Protein backbone atom coordinates (compact mmCIF):
# COMPACT_ATOMS: atom_id res chain seq x y z
CA MET A 1 -131.24 147.99 60.10
CA GLU A 2 -132.90 148.10 63.43
CA ARG A 3 -135.26 144.88 64.27
CA LYS A 4 -138.13 145.24 66.18
CA SER A 5 -138.43 142.85 69.23
CA VAL A 6 -141.43 140.65 69.61
CA MET A 7 -142.24 140.17 72.98
CA ARG A 8 -144.31 136.87 73.76
CA TYR A 9 -146.13 136.77 77.11
CA SER A 10 -146.86 133.60 79.00
CA GLU A 11 -150.57 132.21 79.34
CA SER A 12 -150.13 132.85 82.99
CA PHE A 13 -148.98 136.25 82.80
CA LYS A 14 -151.92 137.29 80.32
CA LEU A 15 -154.46 135.63 82.94
CA GLN A 16 -152.79 137.43 85.67
CA VAL A 17 -153.32 140.83 84.20
CA VAL A 18 -156.66 139.95 83.21
CA ARG A 19 -157.49 138.97 86.68
CA GLU A 20 -155.93 142.11 87.86
CA LEU A 21 -158.20 143.95 85.60
CA GLU A 22 -161.34 142.01 86.87
CA GLU A 23 -160.36 142.90 90.63
CA GLY A 24 -160.04 146.55 89.86
CA ARG A 25 -156.30 146.90 90.51
CA HIS A 26 -156.34 148.64 87.03
CA GLU A 27 -158.52 151.38 86.13
CA ASN A 28 -158.67 149.84 82.71
CA CYS A 29 -156.66 148.27 79.86
CA SER A 30 -154.41 150.81 79.29
CA ALA A 31 -153.71 151.55 82.73
CA ALA A 32 -152.69 147.67 82.71
CA MET A 33 -150.52 147.98 79.94
CA GLU A 34 -148.60 151.03 81.38
CA ALA A 35 -148.06 149.20 84.66
CA TYR A 36 -146.40 146.19 82.73
CA GLY A 37 -144.77 148.23 80.28
CA ILE A 38 -146.87 146.25 77.44
CA ARG A 39 -146.49 148.13 74.14
CA GLY A 40 -149.07 146.80 71.71
CA SER A 41 -152.06 148.89 71.78
CA GLU A 42 -154.74 146.18 71.55
CA THR A 43 -152.71 143.52 73.55
CA VAL A 44 -154.25 143.50 76.61
CA TYR A 45 -158.03 144.38 75.24
CA ARG A 46 -157.56 140.92 73.16
CA TRP A 47 -156.21 139.21 76.41
CA ALA A 48 -159.68 140.64 78.14
CA ARG A 49 -161.87 139.33 75.25
CA GLN A 50 -160.12 136.06 75.36
CA TYR A 51 -159.73 135.15 78.98
CA GLY A 52 -161.93 137.82 80.91
CA ARG A 53 -165.54 137.38 82.11
CA GLU A 54 -168.30 138.80 79.98
CA HIS A 55 -168.39 142.09 81.71
CA LEU A 56 -164.85 143.07 80.25
CA THR A 57 -165.82 142.07 76.74
CA ARG A 58 -169.01 144.43 76.89
CA ARG A 59 -171.49 141.60 76.22
CA LEU A 60 -174.83 142.06 77.47
CA ILE A 61 -176.09 139.40 79.85
CA ARG A 62 -179.68 139.23 80.48
CA VAL A 63 -180.92 137.37 83.54
CA GLU A 64 -184.88 136.52 83.23
CA THR A 65 -187.02 134.72 85.90
CA PRO A 66 -189.69 132.31 84.64
CA LYS A 67 -192.13 134.77 85.65
CA GLU A 68 -190.43 137.56 83.56
CA ARG A 69 -190.09 135.44 80.50
CA ASP A 70 -193.70 134.54 80.93
CA GLU A 71 -194.87 138.22 81.09
CA LEU A 72 -192.83 139.03 78.13
CA ARG A 73 -194.09 136.19 76.08
CA ARG A 74 -197.94 137.52 77.09
CA MET A 75 -197.01 141.09 76.38
CA LYS A 76 -195.64 140.03 72.58
CA GLU A 77 -198.93 138.17 72.24
CA ARG A 78 -200.73 141.21 73.22
CA VAL A 79 -199.08 143.15 70.94
CA ARG A 80 -199.62 140.81 68.33
CA ASP A 81 -203.26 140.72 68.90
CA LEU A 82 -203.63 144.63 69.13
CA GLU A 83 -201.46 144.85 65.62
CA ARG A 84 -203.99 142.76 64.31
CA ALA A 85 -207.22 144.55 65.62
CA LEU A 86 -205.63 147.84 64.25
CA GLY A 87 -204.96 146.10 60.88
CA ASP A 88 -208.70 145.05 61.00
CA ALA A 89 -209.88 148.41 61.89
CA THR A 90 -208.05 150.10 59.60
CA LEU A 91 -209.43 147.58 56.62
CA ASP A 92 -212.84 148.32 57.95
CA LEU A 93 -212.39 151.96 57.78
CA ARG A 94 -211.10 151.70 54.27
CA LEU A 95 -213.88 149.59 53.17
CA GLU A 96 -216.48 151.89 54.68
CA ARG A 97 -215.12 154.89 52.86
CA GLU A 98 -215.35 153.16 49.78
CA TYR A 99 -218.71 152.09 50.13
CA LEU A 100 -219.84 155.66 51.25
CA LYS A 101 -218.30 157.03 48.16
CA ILE A 102 -220.14 154.28 45.95
CA ALA A 103 -223.49 155.10 47.68
CA CYS A 104 -222.96 158.80 47.27
CA ARG A 105 -222.29 158.32 43.63
CA GLN A 106 -225.29 156.20 43.21
CA ALA A 107 -227.45 158.91 45.18
CA GLY A 108 -226.13 161.35 42.72
CA ILE A 109 -223.89 163.17 45.45
CA GLU A 110 -220.90 164.72 44.10
CA ASP A 111 -219.11 165.96 47.12
CA VAL A 112 -218.71 163.10 49.72
CA GLU A 113 -217.10 165.64 52.24
CA VAL A 114 -219.90 167.98 52.16
CA PHE A 115 -222.34 165.06 52.57
CA LYS A 116 -220.41 163.85 55.59
CA LYS A 117 -220.54 167.13 57.25
CA LYS A 118 -224.23 167.43 56.85
CA VAL A 119 -224.97 164.03 58.24
CA HIS A 120 -222.58 164.57 60.94
CA GLY A 121 -224.32 167.82 62.03
CA LYS A 122 -227.86 166.14 61.89
CA LEU A 123 -226.46 163.29 64.14
CA SER A 124 -225.01 165.58 66.63
CA THR A 125 -228.19 167.78 66.82
CA THR A 126 -230.17 164.41 67.45
CA ARG A 127 -228.39 163.58 70.29
């Protein structure tokens, strides 16, 4: 029975490989693995996550100036205000529709849509 040999790499070697990746000496982690004969398919990727800078681990770094943060805060407040206004307008419209239905029912008008068209037609001719 053949035993697999386990390779242990020193911290300095791992750091060297990651540094070379960061400096662009290797096109990607697979190329570094091939250059050094590293057999584990995830080994260099794991080293890059553990020892490398953010760009190798595919983390998003967001740099904002105070002016940009203030602008973002103002835009979020504006969106909140607009959402509130839209909600109010929607509620007002629903209330008006219901009041119109009640008023038409009390006036003996059965078809609210026909009534709205007649009223709208009269209003547009008087303008």
